[in-house]
Amino acid sequence: MKVLLFGGSGMVGQGVLRECLLDKGVTEVLSVVRSAEAPAQAKLRELVCADFFDYTALEAQLTGYDACFFCLGVSSGGLSEAEYKRLSHDAGPPQSADGVRLRLRHGHRQ
Protein backbone atom coordinates (compact mmCIF):
# COMPACT_ATOMS: atom_id res chain seq x y z
CA MET A 1 0.00 0.00 0.00
CA LYS A 2 1.22 3.49 -0.89
CA VAL A 3 0.35 6.27 1.57
CA LEU A 4 0.20 10.03 1.10
CA LEU A 5 0.66 12.02 4.33
CA PHE A 6 0.14 15.72 5.00
CA GLY A 7 1.31 17.13 8.35
CA GLY A 8 3.72 14.36 9.28
CA SER A 9 5.78 16.62 11.56
CA GLY A 10 2.87 17.60 13.83
CA MET A 11 1.62 15.86 16.96
CA VAL A 12 -0.96 13.65 15.20
CA GLY A 13 1.00 13.33 11.96
CA GLN A 14 4.10 12.02 13.73
CA GLY A 15 2.08 9.15 15.13
CA VAL A 16 0.52 8.39 11.74
CA LEU A 17 3.96 8.49 10.10
CA ARG A 18 5.47 6.18 12.72
CA GLU A 19 2.67 3.63 12.31
CA CYS A 20 2.91 3.74 8.51
CA LEU A 21 6.66 3.16 8.61
CA LEU A 22 6.26 0.23 11.03
CA ASP A 23 3.46 -1.40 9.03
CA LYS A 24 4.82 -4.09 6.71
CA GLY A 25 1.80 -3.62 4.45
CA VAL A 26 2.81 -0.03 3.69
CA THR A 27 5.42 -0.04 0.93
CA GLU A 28 5.81 3.72 0.43
CA VAL A 29 4.98 6.93 2.30
CA LEU A 30 5.05 10.29 0.55
CA SER A 31 5.15 12.98 3.21
CA VAL A 32 4.18 16.43 1.95
CA VAL A 33 6.31 18.87 3.97
CA ARG A 34 7.12 22.57 4.24
CA SER A 35 10.88 21.94 4.31
CA ALA A 36 12.84 18.83 3.44
CA GLU A 37 14.77 16.73 5.90
CA ALA A 38 16.79 13.66 5.02
CA PRO A 39 14.31 10.76 5.33
CA ALA A 40 15.73 8.07 7.63
CA GLN A 41 13.60 5.29 6.17
CA ALA A 42 13.92 3.74 2.73
CA LYS A 43 10.15 3.72 2.17
CA LEU A 44 9.76 7.41 3.12
CA ARG A 45 9.92 10.16 0.50
CA GLU A 46 9.30 13.86 1.01
CA LEU A 47 7.70 16.36 -1.30
CA VAL A 48 8.20 20.03 -0.44
CA CYS A 49 5.08 22.18 -0.65
CA ALA A 50 5.61 25.90 -0.23
CA ASP A 51 1.90 26.76 0.00
CA PHE A 52 -0.60 24.43 1.66
CA PHE A 53 -3.40 26.53 0.18
CA ASP A 54 -2.34 25.80 -3.43
CA TYR A 55 -1.32 22.33 -4.66
CA THR A 56 -1.44 23.16 -8.36
CA ALA A 57 2.27 22.64 -9.00
CA LEU A 58 2.27 19.30 -7.16
CA GLU A 59 -0.98 17.81 -8.39
CA ALA A 60 0.60 15.30 -10.79
CA GLN A 61 2.80 13.94 -7.99
CA LEU A 62 -0.15 13.36 -5.64
CA THR A 63 -1.79 10.56 -7.63
CA GLY A 64 -1.47 6.80 -7.45
CA TYR A 65 -1.78 6.44 -3.67
CA ASP A 66 -4.00 3.96 -1.84
CA ALA A 67 -4.57 6.08 1.27
CA CYS A 68 -4.25 9.71 2.31
CA PHE A 69 -3.86 11.00 5.86
CA PHE A 70 -4.47 14.74 6.16
CA CYS A 71 -3.08 15.75 9.56
CA LEU A 72 -2.46 19.47 9.06
CA GLY A 73 -3.62 21.79 11.78
CA VAL A 74 -2.38 24.13 14.49
CA SER A 75 -3.00 24.71 18.16
CA SER A 76 -5.63 27.35 18.80
CA GLY A 77 -3.49 29.01 21.49
CA GLY A 78 -2.86 32.67 20.74
CA LEU A 79 -4.84 32.69 17.48
CA SER A 80 -8.06 34.44 16.61
CA GLU A 81 -10.95 32.18 15.62
CA ALA A 82 -10.60 33.34 12.01
CA GLU A 83 -6.87 32.59 11.86
CA TYR A 84 -7.32 29.19 13.51
CA LYS A 85 -10.03 28.32 10.96
CA ARG A 86 -7.83 29.48 8.08
CA LEU A 87 -4.86 27.35 9.17
CA SER A 88 -6.69 24.26 10.43
CA HIS A 89 -9.71 24.06 8.17
CA ASP A 90 -9.18 26.11 5.01
CA ALA A 91 -5.74 24.58 4.29
CA GLY A 92 -7.47 21.36 3.35
CA PRO A 93 -6.64 18.48 1.06
CA PRO A 94 -5.74 19.31 -2.53
CA GLN A 95 -8.50 20.58 -4.77
CA SER A 96 -8.98 20.25 -8.49
CA ALA A 97 -9.05 23.36 -10.68
CA ASP A 98 -12.82 23.62 -10.24
CA GLY A 99 -12.49 23.65 -6.45
CA VAL A 100 -13.60 20.06 -5.80
CA ARG A 101 -11.63 18.26 -3.09
CA LEU A 102 -9.46 15.48 -4.45
CA ARG A 103 -10.28 12.06 -3.06
CA LEU A 104 -8.22 8.92 -3.35
CA ARG A 105 -9.92 5.63 -4.11
CA HIS A 106 -8.11 2.46 -5.08
CA GLY A 107 -4.96 4.39 -5.93
CA HIS A 108 -6.65 6.80 -8.32
CA ARG A 109 -7.68 10.41 -7.94
CA GLN A 110 -11.44 10.82 -8.16
C-alpha atoms as a PDB file:
ATOM      1  CA  MET A   1       0.000   0.000   0.000  1.00  0.00           C
ATOM      2  CA  LYS A   2       1.219   3.488  -0.887  1.00  0.00           C
ATOM      3  CA  VAL A   3       0.349   6.265   1.574  1.00  0.00           C
ATOM      4  CA  LEU A   4       0.201  10.027   1.103  1.00  0.00           C
ATOM      5  CA  LEU A   5       0.658  12.021   4.332  1.00  0.00           C
ATOM      6  CA  PHE A   6       0.138  15.715   4.999  1.00  0.00           C
ATOM      7  CA  GLY A   7       1.310  17.130   8.349  1.00  0.00           C
ATOM      8  CA  GLY A   8       3.716  14.357   9.278  1.00  0.00           C
ATOM      9  CA  SER A   9       5.776  16.617  11.556  1.00  0.00           C
ATOM     10  CA  GLY A  10       2.875  17.600  13.830  1.00  0.00           C
ATOM     11  CA  MET A  11       1.619  15.860  16.955  1.00  0.00           C
ATOM     12  CA  VAL A  12      -0.960  13.655  15.198  1.00  0.00           C
ATOM     13  CA  GLY A  13       0.997  13.333  11.960  1.00  0.00           C
ATOM     14  CA  GLN A  14       4.103  12.019  13.725  1.00  0.00           C
ATOM     15  CA  GLY A  15       2.075   9.149  15.127  1.00  0.00           C
ATOM     16  CA  VAL A  16       0.521   8.393  11.743  1.00  0.00           C
ATOM     17  CA  LEU A  17       3.956   8.485  10.098  1.00  0.00           C
ATOM     18  CA  ARG A  18       5.467   6.180  12.723  1.00  0.00           C
ATOM     19  CA  GLU A  19       2.667   3.634  12.306  1.00  0.00           C
ATOM     20  CA  CYS A  20       2.910   3.743   8.510  1.00  0.00           C
ATOM     21  CA  LEU A  21       6.658   3.159   8.608  1.00  0.00           C
ATOM     22  CA  LEU A  22       6.260   0.232  11.031  1.00  0.00           C
ATOM     23  CA  ASP A  23       3.463  -1.402   9.031  1.00  0.00           C
ATOM     24  CA  LYS A  24       4.820  -4.094   6.709  1.00  0.00           C
ATOM     25  CA  GLY A  25       1.795  -3.615   4.449  1.00  0.00           C
ATOM     26  CA  VAL A  26       2.815  -0.029   3.695  1.00  0.00           C
ATOM     27  CA  THR A  27       5.423  -0.039   0.925  1.00  0.00           C
ATOM     28  CA  GLU A  28       5.812   3.720   0.428  1.00  0.00           C
ATOM     29  CA  VAL A  29       4.982   6.930   2.297  1.00  0.00           C
ATOM     30  CA  LEU A  30       5.052  10.287   0.546  1.00  0.00           C
ATOM     31  CA  SER A  31       5.151  12.982   3.206  1.00  0.00           C
ATOM     32  CA  VAL A  32       4.184  16.432   1.946  1.00  0.00           C
ATOM     33  CA  VAL A  33       6.308  18.872   3.968  1.00  0.00           C
ATOM     34  CA  ARG A  34       7.123  22.565   4.239  1.00  0.00           C
ATOM     35  CA  SER A  35      10.875  21.937   4.314  1.00  0.00           C
ATOM     36  CA  ALA A  36      12.836  18.830   3.442  1.00  0.00           C
ATOM     37  CA  GLU A  37      14.766  16.730   5.899  1.00  0.00           C
ATOM     38  CA  ALA A  38      16.791  13.660   5.020  1.00  0.00           C
ATOM     39  CA  PRO A  39      14.311  10.763   5.330  1.00  0.00           C
ATOM     40  CA  ALA A  40      15.732   8.073   7.634  1.00  0.00           C
ATOM     41  CA  GLN A  41      13.600   5.286   6.172  1.00  0.00           C
ATOM     42  CA  ALA A  42      13.916   3.740   2.731  1.00  0.00           C
ATOM     43  CA  LYS A  43      10.147   3.721   2.165  1.00  0.00           C
ATOM     44  CA  LEU A  44       9.760   7.405   3.115  1.00  0.00           C
ATOM     45  CA  ARG A  45       9.918  10.155   0.500  1.00  0.00           C
ATOM     46  CA  GLU A  46       9.303  13.857   1.014  1.00  0.00           C
ATOM     47  CA  LEU A  47       7.697  16.355  -1.296  1.00  0.00           C
ATOM     48  CA  VAL A  48       8.202  20.028  -0.440  1.00  0.00           C
ATOM     49  CA  CYS A  49       5.078  22.180  -0.655  1.00  0.00           C
ATOM     50  CA  ALA A  50       5.611  25.898  -0.231  1.00  0.00           C
ATOM     51  CA  ASP A  51       1.902  26.758  -0.002  1.00  0.00           C
ATOM     52  CA  PHE A  52      -0.602  24.426   1.658  1.00  0.00           C
ATOM     53  CA  PHE A  53      -3.402  26.530   0.181  1.00  0.00           C
ATOM     54  CA  ASP A  54      -2.338  25.799  -3.428  1.00  0.00           C
ATOM     55  CA  TYR A  55      -1.324  22.334  -4.661  1.00  0.00           C
ATOM     56  CA  THR A  56      -1.439  23.162  -8.365  1.00  0.00           C
ATOM     57  CA  ALA A  57       2.274  22.645  -9.000  1.00  0.00           C
ATOM     58  CA  LEU A  58       2.275  19.295  -7.159  1.00  0.00           C
ATOM     59  CA  GLU A  59      -0.980  17.809  -8.387  1.00  0.00           C
ATOM     60  CA  ALA A  60       0.596  15.304 -10.787  1.00  0.00           C
ATOM     61  CA  GLN A  61       2.801  13.938  -7.990  1.00  0.00           C
ATOM     62  CA  LEU A  62      -0.148  13.360  -5.643  1.00  0.00           C
ATOM     63  CA  THR A  63      -1.793  10.564  -7.626  1.00  0.00           C
ATOM     64  CA  GLY A  64      -1.474   6.798  -7.448  1.00  0.00           C
ATOM     65  CA  TYR A  65      -1.783   6.436  -3.673  1.00  0.00           C
ATOM     66  CA  ASP A  66      -3.999   3.960  -1.845  1.00  0.00           C
ATOM     67  CA  ALA A  67      -4.572   6.082   1.265  1.00  0.00           C
ATOM     68  CA  CYS A  68      -4.250   9.714   2.307  1.00  0.00           C
ATOM     69  CA  PHE A  69      -3.859  10.998   5.856  1.00  0.00           C
ATOM     70  CA  PHE A  70      -4.471  14.737   6.157  1.00  0.00           C
ATOM     71  CA  CYS A  71      -3.081  15.749   9.564  1.00  0.00           C
ATOM     72  CA  LEU A  72      -2.464  19.469   9.056  1.00  0.00           C
ATOM     73  CA  GLY A  73      -3.622  21.792  11.781  1.00  0.00           C
ATOM     74  CA  VAL A  74      -2.381  24.127  14.488  1.00  0.00           C
ATOM     75  CA  SER A  75      -2.999  24.707  18.162  1.00  0.00           C
ATOM     76  CA  SER A  76      -5.630  27.353  18.798  1.00  0.00           C
ATOM     77  CA  GLY A  77      -3.493  29.014  21.491  1.00  0.00           C
ATOM     78  CA  GLY A  78      -2.861  32.674  20.739  1.00  0.00           C
ATOM     79  CA  LEU A  79      -4.843  32.694  17.483  1.00  0.00           C
ATOM     80  CA  SER A  80      -8.063  34.437  16.610  1.00  0.00           C
ATOM     81  CA  GLU A  81     -10.946  32.178  15.618  1.00  0.00           C
ATOM     82  CA  ALA A  82     -10.601  33.336  12.006  1.00  0.00           C
ATOM     83  CA  GLU A  83      -6.866  32.587  11.855  1.00  0.00           C
ATOM     84  CA  TYR A  84      -7.320  29.186  13.509  1.00  0.00           C
ATOM     85  CA  LYS A  85     -10.030  28.319  10.956  1.00  0.00           C
ATOM     86  CA  ARG A  86      -7.830  29.483   8.078  1.00  0.00           C
ATOM     87  CA  LEU A  87      -4.858  27.351   9.173  1.00  0.00           C
ATOM     88  CA  SER A  88      -6.687  24.260  10.432  1.00  0.00           C
ATOM     89  CA  HIS A  89      -9.712  24.063   8.169  1.00  0.00           C
ATOM     90  CA  ASP A  90      -9.176  26.106   5.013  1.00  0.00           C
ATOM     91  CA  ALA A  91      -5.740  24.580   4.290  1.00  0.00           C
ATOM     92  CA  GLY A  92      -7.471  21.358   3.345  1.00  0.00           C
ATOM     93  CA  PRO A  93      -6.642  18.483   1.064  1.00  0.00           C
ATOM     94  CA  PRO A  94      -5.739  19.309  -2.530  1.00  0.00           C
ATOM     95  CA  GLN A  95      -8.500  20.579  -4.773  1.00  0.00           C
ATOM     96  CA  SER A  96      -8.983  20.249  -8.491  1.00  0.00           C
ATOM     97  CA  ALA A  97      -9.047  23.356 -10.676  1.00  0.00           C
ATOM     98  CA  ASP A  98     -12.816  23.616 -10.240  1.00  0.00           C
ATOM     99  CA  GLY A  99     -12.492  23.651  -6.447  1.00  0.00           C
ATOM    100  CA  VAL A 100     -13.601  20.061  -5.805  1.00  0.00           C
ATOM    101  CA  ARG A 101     -11.634  18.263  -3.086  1.00  0.00           C
ATOM    102  CA  LEU A 102      -9.463  15.485  -4.451  1.00  0.00           C
ATOM    103  CA  ARG A 103     -10.276  12.061  -3.062  1.00  0.00           C
ATOM    104  CA  LEU A 104      -8.220   8.916  -3.353  1.00  0.00           C
ATOM    105  CA  ARG A 105      -9.922   5.630  -4.114  1.00  0.00           C
ATOM    106  CA  HIS A 106      -8.114   2.459  -5.083  1.00  0.00           C
ATOM    107  CA  GLY A 107      -4.965   4.394  -5.927  1.00  0.00           C
ATOM    108  CA  HIS A 108      -6.646   6.797  -8.325  1.00  0.00           C
ATOM    109  CA  ARG A 109      -7.678  10.408  -7.940  1.00  0.00           C
ATOM    110  CA  GLN A 110     -11.439  10.825  -8.161  1.00  0.00           C
END
